[in-house]
Amino acid sequence: MIRKAKMDDVRIIHGLLMNRQEHDGLVLPRSFSQLYSHLRDFFVVVEDDKVVGCCALNIIWDDLAEIRSLVVLPEYRGRKFGRKLLEAALSEAVTLGIYTVYTLTEQTGFFAHLGFEQTAMDGLNQKVWADCLNCTRFPDLCNEVAMVLHL
């Protein structure tokens, strides 16, 4: 079941994002403060009565949002939970009137399969760089690619 995240989910989401074994180091960790501040951005997938994945839709500007923090526990992968989380976030973007969504990812095949296309980061709003500037992998160790979907 996909649903919006609740206060009780924050510690679980934090664990998902902080545990590098669960996402192979491909997702930026988030502090508790960031998670509480952006809780309304998150969707979770619940299976076997526990949260096993999450995804956030972060609004950047009036016409742009970012898909971020997409994680599914390894033992629950292959069940299309990542796709369902992404679809929930994209549906919310349309509901909000946002028709351009991007992601920064190393998982280009997953996003390309769902209609995202590679784009230059320079073509996106400057707010896109906010997290990059504070990332320990920026600039020399970053392998992320900007991908965009026009809904």
N, C-alpha and C. Protein backbone atom coordinates (compact mmCIF):
# COMPACT_ATOMS: atom_id res chain seq x y z
N MET A 1 0.84 -1.18 0.00
CA MET A 1 0.00 0.00 0.00
C MET A 1 0.89 1.24 0.00
N ILE A 2 0.58 2.17 -0.87
CA ILE A 2 1.27 3.46 -0.93
C ILE A 2 0.42 4.48 -0.19
N ARG A 3 1.05 5.27 0.67
CA ARG A 3 0.33 6.32 1.39
C ARG A 3 1.28 7.48 1.69
N LYS A 4 0.70 8.60 2.07
CA LYS A 4 1.50 9.73 2.51
C LYS A 4 2.15 9.37 3.85
N ALA A 5 3.35 9.87 4.05
CA ALA A 5 4.08 9.61 5.29
C ALA A 5 3.41 10.31 6.46
N LYS A 6 3.58 9.72 7.63
CA LYS A 6 3.04 10.26 8.88
C LYS A 6 4.20 10.52 9.85
N MET A 7 3.89 11.22 10.92
CA MET A 7 4.91 11.53 11.92
C MET A 7 5.61 10.27 12.43
N ASP A 8 4.86 9.21 12.63
CA ASP A 8 5.45 7.96 13.13
C ASP A 8 6.44 7.34 12.14
N ASP A 9 6.43 7.79 10.90
CA ASP A 9 7.31 7.22 9.87
C ASP A 9 8.68 7.89 9.81
N VAL A 10 8.85 9.03 10.45
CA VAL A 10 10.08 9.80 10.29
C VAL A 10 11.31 8.99 10.67
N ARG A 11 11.29 8.31 11.79
CA ARG A 11 12.47 7.53 12.21
C ARG A 11 12.76 6.39 11.24
N ILE A 12 11.71 5.81 10.69
CA ILE A 12 11.89 4.73 9.72
C ILE A 12 12.48 5.29 8.42
N ILE A 13 11.94 6.39 7.94
CA ILE A 13 12.47 7.02 6.73
C ILE A 13 13.93 7.41 6.94
N HIS A 14 14.23 7.97 8.10
CA HIS A 14 15.61 8.34 8.43
C HIS A 14 16.51 7.10 8.34
N GLY A 15 16.06 6.00 8.90
CA GLY A 15 16.83 4.76 8.84
C GLY A 15 17.04 4.29 7.41
N LEU A 16 16.00 4.39 6.58
CA LEU A 16 16.13 4.00 5.18
C LEU A 16 17.18 4.83 4.46
N LEU A 17 17.17 6.13 4.72
CA LEU A 17 18.08 7.04 4.02
C LEU A 17 19.50 7.00 4.57
N MET A 18 19.65 6.65 5.82
CA MET A 18 20.98 6.65 6.44
C MET A 18 21.71 5.33 6.25
N ASN A 19 20.99 4.26 6.01
CA ASN A 19 21.61 2.94 5.90
C ASN A 19 22.12 2.72 4.48
N ARG A 20 23.39 2.92 4.29
CA ARG A 20 23.99 2.83 2.95
C ARG A 20 23.85 1.43 2.36
N GLN A 21 23.76 0.39 3.20
CA GLN A 21 23.59 -0.97 2.69
C GLN A 21 22.23 -1.13 2.00
N GLU A 22 21.24 -0.38 2.45
CA GLU A 22 19.89 -0.52 1.89
C GLU A 22 19.75 0.17 0.54
N HIS A 23 20.60 1.17 0.26
CA HIS A 23 20.45 1.89 -1.01
C HIS A 23 21.79 2.07 -1.73
N ASP A 24 22.77 1.30 -1.32
CA ASP A 24 24.06 1.29 -2.01
C ASP A 24 24.72 2.66 -2.08
N GLY A 25 24.43 3.55 -1.13
CA GLY A 25 25.04 4.87 -1.10
C GLY A 25 24.57 5.81 -2.19
N LEU A 26 23.45 5.47 -2.85
CA LEU A 26 22.98 6.26 -3.98
C LEU A 26 21.97 7.34 -3.58
N VAL A 27 21.65 7.43 -2.31
CA VAL A 27 20.67 8.41 -1.84
C VAL A 27 21.32 9.28 -0.78
N LEU A 28 21.08 10.58 -0.88
CA LEU A 28 21.64 11.48 0.12
C LEU A 28 20.93 11.28 1.46
N PRO A 29 21.70 11.21 2.53
CA PRO A 29 21.07 11.13 3.86
C PRO A 29 20.36 12.44 4.18
N ARG A 30 19.37 12.36 5.03
CA ARG A 30 18.63 13.54 5.48
C ARG A 30 18.61 13.54 7.00
N SER A 31 18.73 14.72 7.58
CA SER A 31 18.67 14.84 9.03
C SER A 31 17.22 14.73 9.50
N PHE A 32 17.05 14.48 10.77
CA PHE A 32 15.70 14.46 11.33
C PHE A 32 15.00 15.79 11.09
N SER A 33 15.76 16.88 11.26
CA SER A 33 15.19 18.21 11.04
C SER A 33 14.67 18.35 9.61
N GLN A 34 15.45 17.91 8.64
CA GLN A 34 15.02 17.98 7.24
C GLN A 34 13.78 17.12 7.01
N LEU A 35 13.76 15.94 7.60
CA LEU A 35 12.62 15.05 7.40
C LEU A 35 11.35 15.61 8.02
N TYR A 36 11.45 16.15 9.22
CA TYR A 36 10.25 16.76 9.83
C TYR A 36 9.78 17.95 9.01
N SER A 37 10.72 18.75 8.51
CA SER A 37 10.35 19.93 7.72
C SER A 37 9.72 19.57 6.39
N HIS A 38 10.08 18.41 5.85
CA HIS A 38 9.60 18.02 4.53
C HIS A 38 8.75 16.75 4.56
N LEU A 39 8.20 16.43 5.71
CA LEU A 39 7.42 15.20 5.85
C LEU A 39 6.29 15.13 4.84
N ARG A 40 5.65 16.27 4.55
CA ARG A 40 4.53 16.26 3.61
C ARG A 40 4.96 15.95 2.19
N ASP A 41 6.27 15.97 1.91
CA ASP A 41 6.78 15.62 0.58
C ASP A 41 6.80 14.11 0.37
N PHE A 42 6.78 13.33 1.44
CA PHE A 42 7.07 11.90 1.37
C PHE A 42 5.84 11.02 1.21
N PHE A 43 6.06 9.98 0.39
CA PHE A 43 5.17 8.84 0.30
C PHE A 43 5.94 7.65 0.86
N VAL A 44 5.22 6.69 1.41
CA VAL A 44 5.84 5.44 1.86
C VAL A 44 5.06 4.28 1.28
N VAL A 45 5.74 3.16 1.19
CA VAL A 45 5.09 1.91 0.81
C VAL A 45 5.12 1.01 2.04
N VAL A 46 3.95 0.45 2.36
CA VAL A 46 3.80 -0.42 3.52
C VAL A 46 3.50 -1.82 3.02
N GLU A 47 4.29 -2.77 3.48
CA GLU A 47 4.10 -4.17 3.14
C GLU A 47 4.41 -4.98 4.40
N ASP A 48 3.65 -6.01 4.64
CA ASP A 48 3.86 -6.83 5.84
C ASP A 48 3.82 -5.98 7.11
N ASP A 49 2.94 -4.97 7.11
CA ASP A 49 2.74 -4.07 8.26
C ASP A 49 3.97 -3.25 8.63
N LYS A 50 4.87 -3.02 7.66
CA LYS A 50 6.00 -2.14 7.95
C LYS A 50 6.33 -1.30 6.72
N VAL A 51 6.92 -0.14 6.98
CA VAL A 51 7.36 0.75 5.91
C VAL A 51 8.61 0.13 5.30
N VAL A 52 8.56 -0.14 3.99
CA VAL A 52 9.68 -0.79 3.31
C VAL A 52 10.29 0.08 2.21
N GLY A 53 9.75 1.30 2.03
CA GLY A 53 10.29 2.20 1.03
C GLY A 53 9.71 3.57 1.16
N CYS A 54 10.38 4.54 0.51
CA CYS A 54 9.91 5.91 0.56
C CYS A 54 10.32 6.65 -0.71
N CYS A 55 9.67 7.77 -0.94
CA CYS A 55 9.98 8.65 -2.07
C CYS A 55 9.41 10.03 -1.74
N ALA A 56 10.11 11.07 -2.15
CA ALA A 56 9.65 12.43 -1.88
C ALA A 56 9.50 13.21 -3.17
N LEU A 57 8.51 14.10 -3.17
CA LEU A 57 8.33 15.08 -4.23
C LEU A 57 8.63 16.44 -3.61
N ASN A 58 9.76 17.01 -3.99
CA ASN A 58 10.21 18.28 -3.43
C ASN A 58 9.90 19.40 -4.44
N ILE A 59 9.06 20.33 -4.05
CA ILE A 59 8.72 21.44 -4.94
C ILE A 59 9.88 22.43 -4.96
N ILE A 60 10.35 22.75 -6.17
CA ILE A 60 11.48 23.65 -6.34
C ILE A 60 11.01 25.05 -6.68
N TRP A 61 10.07 25.13 -7.59
CA TRP A 61 9.58 26.42 -8.08
C TRP A 61 8.15 26.21 -8.57
N ASP A 62 7.55 27.23 -9.14
CA ASP A 62 6.14 27.13 -9.52
C ASP A 62 5.89 26.11 -10.63
N ASP A 63 6.91 25.75 -11.37
CA ASP A 63 6.74 24.83 -12.48
C ASP A 63 7.74 23.68 -12.46
N LEU A 64 8.34 23.40 -11.30
CA LEU A 64 9.39 22.40 -11.24
C LEU A 64 9.40 21.72 -9.87
N ALA A 65 9.49 20.39 -9.90
CA ALA A 65 9.61 19.61 -8.67
C ALA A 65 10.67 18.54 -8.87
N GLU A 66 11.21 18.05 -7.76
CA GLU A 66 12.25 17.03 -7.80
C GLU A 66 11.76 15.75 -7.14
N ILE A 67 12.08 14.63 -7.76
CA ILE A 67 11.91 13.33 -7.13
C ILE A 67 13.19 13.05 -6.37
N ARG A 68 13.07 12.76 -5.09
CA ARG A 68 14.26 12.51 -4.29
C ARG A 68 13.98 11.44 -3.24
N SER A 69 15.04 10.92 -2.68
CA SER A 69 14.96 9.97 -1.57
C SER A 69 14.11 8.74 -1.90
N LEU A 70 14.26 8.22 -3.10
CA LEU A 70 13.54 7.01 -3.51
C LEU A 70 14.35 5.79 -3.09
N VAL A 71 13.83 5.06 -2.10
CA VAL A 71 14.51 3.90 -1.54
C VAL A 71 13.48 2.80 -1.28
N VAL A 72 13.85 1.58 -1.62
CA VAL A 72 13.07 0.40 -1.26
C VAL A 72 14.05 -0.59 -0.64
N LEU A 73 13.67 -1.18 0.49
CA LEU A 73 14.54 -2.17 1.12
C LEU A 73 14.89 -3.27 0.12
N PRO A 74 16.14 -3.73 0.13
CA PRO A 74 16.58 -4.72 -0.86
C PRO A 74 15.69 -5.96 -0.96
N GLU A 75 15.24 -6.46 0.17
CA GLU A 75 14.43 -7.68 0.15
C GLU A 75 13.02 -7.46 -0.41
N TYR A 76 12.65 -6.19 -0.66
CA TYR A 76 11.33 -5.89 -1.23
C TYR A 76 11.43 -5.35 -2.65
N ARG A 77 12.62 -5.33 -3.20
CA ARG A 77 12.80 -4.86 -4.58
C ARG A 77 12.29 -5.91 -5.55
N GLY A 78 11.97 -5.49 -6.75
CA GLY A 78 11.46 -6.40 -7.76
C GLY A 78 9.94 -6.58 -7.70
N ARG A 79 9.30 -5.84 -6.81
CA ARG A 79 7.84 -5.91 -6.67
C ARG A 79 7.15 -4.65 -7.20
N LYS A 80 7.92 -3.83 -7.91
CA LYS A 80 7.44 -2.57 -8.51
C LYS A 80 7.07 -1.51 -7.46
N PHE A 81 7.59 -1.63 -6.25
CA PHE A 81 7.33 -0.63 -5.22
C PHE A 81 7.96 0.72 -5.58
N GLY A 82 9.16 0.70 -6.14
CA GLY A 82 9.81 1.94 -6.56
C GLY A 82 8.98 2.65 -7.61
N ARG A 83 8.50 1.91 -8.56
CA ARG A 83 7.65 2.47 -9.62
C ARG A 83 6.36 3.05 -9.04
N LYS A 84 5.74 2.33 -8.11
CA LYS A 84 4.49 2.80 -7.51
C LYS A 84 4.71 4.06 -6.68
N LEU A 85 5.82 4.12 -5.96
CA LEU A 85 6.14 5.33 -5.20
C LEU A 85 6.34 6.51 -6.14
N LEU A 86 7.08 6.29 -7.21
CA LEU A 86 7.31 7.34 -8.20
C LEU A 86 6.00 7.79 -8.83
N GLU A 87 5.14 6.86 -9.19
CA GLU A 87 3.86 7.22 -9.79
C GLU A 87 2.99 8.03 -8.83
N ALA A 88 3.03 7.71 -7.55
CA ALA A 88 2.27 8.49 -6.56
C ALA A 88 2.79 9.92 -6.50
N ALA A 89 4.11 10.07 -6.51
CA ALA A 89 4.71 11.41 -6.47
C ALA A 89 4.37 12.19 -7.74
N LEU A 90 4.43 11.53 -8.90
CA LEU A 90 4.10 12.21 -10.16
C LEU A 90 2.63 12.61 -10.21
N SER A 91 1.77 11.77 -9.67
CA SER A 91 0.34 12.10 -9.62
C SER A 91 0.10 13.33 -8.76
N GLU A 92 0.82 13.42 -7.65
CA GLU A 92 0.68 14.60 -6.80
C GLU A 92 1.20 15.84 -7.51
N ALA A 93 2.27 15.71 -8.27
CA ALA A 93 2.79 16.85 -9.03
C ALA A 93 1.72 17.39 -9.97
N VAL A 94 1.06 16.50 -10.69
CA VAL A 94 -0.01 16.93 -11.60
C VAL A 94 -1.15 17.58 -10.83
N THR A 95 -1.53 16.98 -9.71
CA THR A 95 -2.60 17.56 -8.88
C THR A 95 -2.26 18.98 -8.45
N LEU A 96 -0.98 19.22 -8.18
CA LEU A 96 -0.53 20.55 -7.75
C LEU A 96 -0.32 21.51 -8.92
N GLY A 97 -0.41 21.00 -10.14
CA GLY A 97 -0.21 21.85 -11.32
C GLY A 97 1.24 21.99 -11.72
N ILE A 98 2.07 21.02 -11.33
CA ILE A 98 3.49 21.02 -11.68
C ILE A 98 3.68 19.95 -12.76
N TYR A 99 4.17 20.38 -13.92
CA TYR A 99 4.25 19.46 -15.05
C TYR A 99 5.67 19.17 -15.52
N THR A 100 6.65 19.66 -14.78
CA THR A 100 8.04 19.31 -15.07
C THR A 100 8.66 18.79 -13.78
N VAL A 101 9.15 17.56 -13.85
CA VAL A 101 9.74 16.90 -12.68
C VAL A 101 11.11 16.39 -13.09
N TYR A 102 12.08 16.56 -12.21
CA TYR A 102 13.42 16.07 -12.50
C TYR A 102 13.91 15.22 -11.34
N THR A 103 14.98 14.53 -11.58
CA THR A 103 15.68 13.80 -10.53
C THR A 103 17.17 13.85 -10.83
N LEU A 104 17.97 13.73 -9.82
CA LEU A 104 19.41 13.57 -9.95
C LEU A 104 19.70 12.14 -9.52
N THR A 105 20.24 11.35 -10.42
CA THR A 105 20.33 9.91 -10.15
C THR A 105 21.51 9.26 -10.84
N GLU A 106 21.91 8.13 -10.30
CA GLU A 106 22.84 7.24 -10.97
C GLU A 106 22.08 6.06 -11.58
N GLN A 107 20.79 5.97 -11.27
CA GLN A 107 19.94 4.88 -11.75
C GLN A 107 19.18 5.33 -13.00
N THR A 108 19.91 5.67 -14.04
CA THR A 108 19.30 6.24 -15.24
C THR A 108 18.36 5.28 -15.94
N GLY A 109 18.67 4.00 -15.93
CA GLY A 109 17.82 3.02 -16.60
C GLY A 109 16.43 2.96 -16.01
N PHE A 110 16.33 2.97 -14.69
CA PHE A 110 15.04 2.94 -14.01
C PHE A 110 14.19 4.12 -14.43
N PHE A 111 14.77 5.31 -14.37
CA PHE A 111 14.01 6.51 -14.69
C PHE A 111 13.72 6.63 -16.19
N ALA A 112 14.66 6.23 -17.03
CA ALA A 112 14.43 6.26 -18.48
C ALA A 112 13.28 5.34 -18.86
N HIS A 113 13.21 4.18 -18.22
CA HIS A 113 12.13 3.23 -18.48
C HIS A 113 10.76 3.85 -18.17
N LEU A 114 10.74 4.82 -17.28
CA LEU A 114 9.49 5.47 -16.88
C LEU A 114 9.28 6.81 -17.57
N GLY A 115 10.07 7.10 -18.60
CA GLY A 115 9.85 8.28 -19.42
C GLY A 115 10.74 9.47 -19.17
N PHE A 116 11.62 9.40 -18.19
CA PHE A 116 12.54 10.50 -17.92
C PHE A 116 13.62 10.52 -19.00
N GLU A 117 14.08 11.72 -19.33
CA GLU A 117 15.15 11.89 -20.31
C GLU A 117 16.30 12.66 -19.68
N GLN A 118 17.51 12.30 -20.08
CA GLN A 118 18.68 12.98 -19.57
C GLN A 118 18.67 14.44 -20.03
N THR A 119 19.09 15.34 -19.13
CA THR A 119 19.12 16.76 -19.43
C THR A 119 20.34 17.39 -18.75
N ALA A 120 20.71 18.56 -19.19
CA ALA A 120 21.81 19.29 -18.55
C ALA A 120 21.29 20.00 -17.30
N MET A 121 22.03 19.90 -16.22
CA MET A 121 21.61 20.57 -14.98
C MET A 121 21.53 22.07 -15.16
N ASP A 122 22.34 22.61 -16.03
CA ASP A 122 22.34 24.05 -16.26
C ASP A 122 20.99 24.55 -16.77
N GLY A 123 20.21 23.66 -17.38
CA GLY A 123 18.90 24.04 -17.90
C GLY A 123 17.81 24.06 -16.85
N LEU A 124 18.12 23.57 -15.65
CA LEU A 124 17.15 23.55 -14.56
C LEU A 124 17.30 24.79 -13.69
N ASN A 125 16.32 25.04 -12.87
CA ASN A 125 16.34 26.18 -11.95
C ASN A 125 17.59 26.13 -11.07
N GLN A 126 18.14 27.29 -10.74
CA GLN A 126 19.35 27.35 -9.92
C GLN A 126 19.18 26.73 -8.55
N LYS A 127 17.96 26.62 -8.05
CA LYS A 127 17.73 26.01 -6.74
C LYS A 127 18.14 24.54 -6.73
N VAL A 128 18.26 23.95 -7.92
CA VAL A 128 18.68 22.56 -8.04
C VAL A 128 20.05 22.36 -7.39
N TRP A 129 20.89 23.36 -7.44
CA TRP A 129 22.26 23.25 -6.94
C TRP A 129 22.36 23.34 -5.42
N ALA A 130 21.29 23.69 -4.74
CA ALA A 130 21.35 23.92 -3.29
C ALA A 130 21.91 22.70 -2.54
N ASP A 131 21.37 21.53 -2.80
CA ASP A 131 21.87 20.33 -2.12
C ASP A 131 23.25 19.94 -2.62
N CYS A 132 23.51 20.16 -3.89
CA CYS A 132 24.82 19.79 -4.46
C CYS A 132 25.96 20.50 -3.73
N LEU A 133 25.78 21.76 -3.46
CA LEU A 133 26.84 22.54 -2.84
C LEU A 133 27.21 22.05 -1.45
N ASN A 134 26.27 21.37 -0.77
CA ASN A 134 26.52 20.87 0.57
C ASN A 134 26.83 19.37 0.60
N CYS A 135 26.90 18.76 -0.56
CA CYS A 135 27.11 17.32 -0.65
C CYS A 135 28.60 17.00 -0.59
N THR A 136 28.95 15.95 0.14
CA THR A 136 30.35 15.55 0.27
C THR A 136 30.91 14.99 -1.04
N ARG A 137 30.03 14.61 -1.96
CA ARG A 137 30.47 14.05 -3.24
C ARG A 137 30.65 15.13 -4.32
N PHE A 138 30.27 16.36 -4.03
CA PHE A 138 30.33 17.45 -5.02
C PHE A 138 31.68 18.13 -4.96
N PRO A 139 32.28 18.47 -6.07
CA PRO A 139 31.88 18.14 -7.43
C PRO A 139 32.58 16.90 -8.00
N ASP A 140 33.73 16.55 -7.44
CA ASP A 140 34.59 15.56 -8.09
C ASP A 140 34.11 14.11 -8.00
N LEU A 141 33.36 13.77 -6.97
CA LEU A 141 32.95 12.38 -6.78
C LEU A 141 31.51 12.12 -7.20
N CYS A 142 30.85 13.12 -7.74
CA CYS A 142 29.45 12.98 -8.10
C CYS A 142 29.30 12.34 -9.48
N ASN A 143 28.51 11.28 -9.52
CA ASN A 143 28.22 10.60 -10.78
C ASN A 143 26.75 10.75 -11.17
N GLU A 144 26.04 11.60 -10.48
CA GLU A 144 24.61 11.73 -10.75
C GLU A 144 24.35 12.44 -12.08
N VAL A 145 23.28 12.03 -12.68
CA VAL A 145 22.83 12.57 -13.96
C VAL A 145 21.48 13.23 -13.73
N ALA A 146 21.27 14.39 -14.33
CA ALA A 146 19.97 15.04 -14.25
C ALA A 146 19.06 14.43 -15.32
N MET A 147 17.86 14.07 -14.87
CA MET A 147 16.86 13.51 -15.79
C MET A 147 15.56 14.25 -15.56
N VAL A 148 14.81 14.50 -16.63
CA VAL A 148 13.60 15.29 -16.53
C VAL A 148 12.44 14.55 -17.21
N LEU A 149 11.26 14.80 -16.67
CA LEU A 149 10.03 14.26 -17.25
C LEU A 149 9.03 15.41 -17.38
N HIS A 150 8.48 15.58 -18.56
CA HIS A 150 7.45 16.59 -18.78
C HIS A 150 6.11 15.87 -18.78
N LEU A 151 5.30 16.19 -17.82
CA LEU A 151 4.00 15.50 -17.65
C LEU A 151 2.92 16.13 -18.51
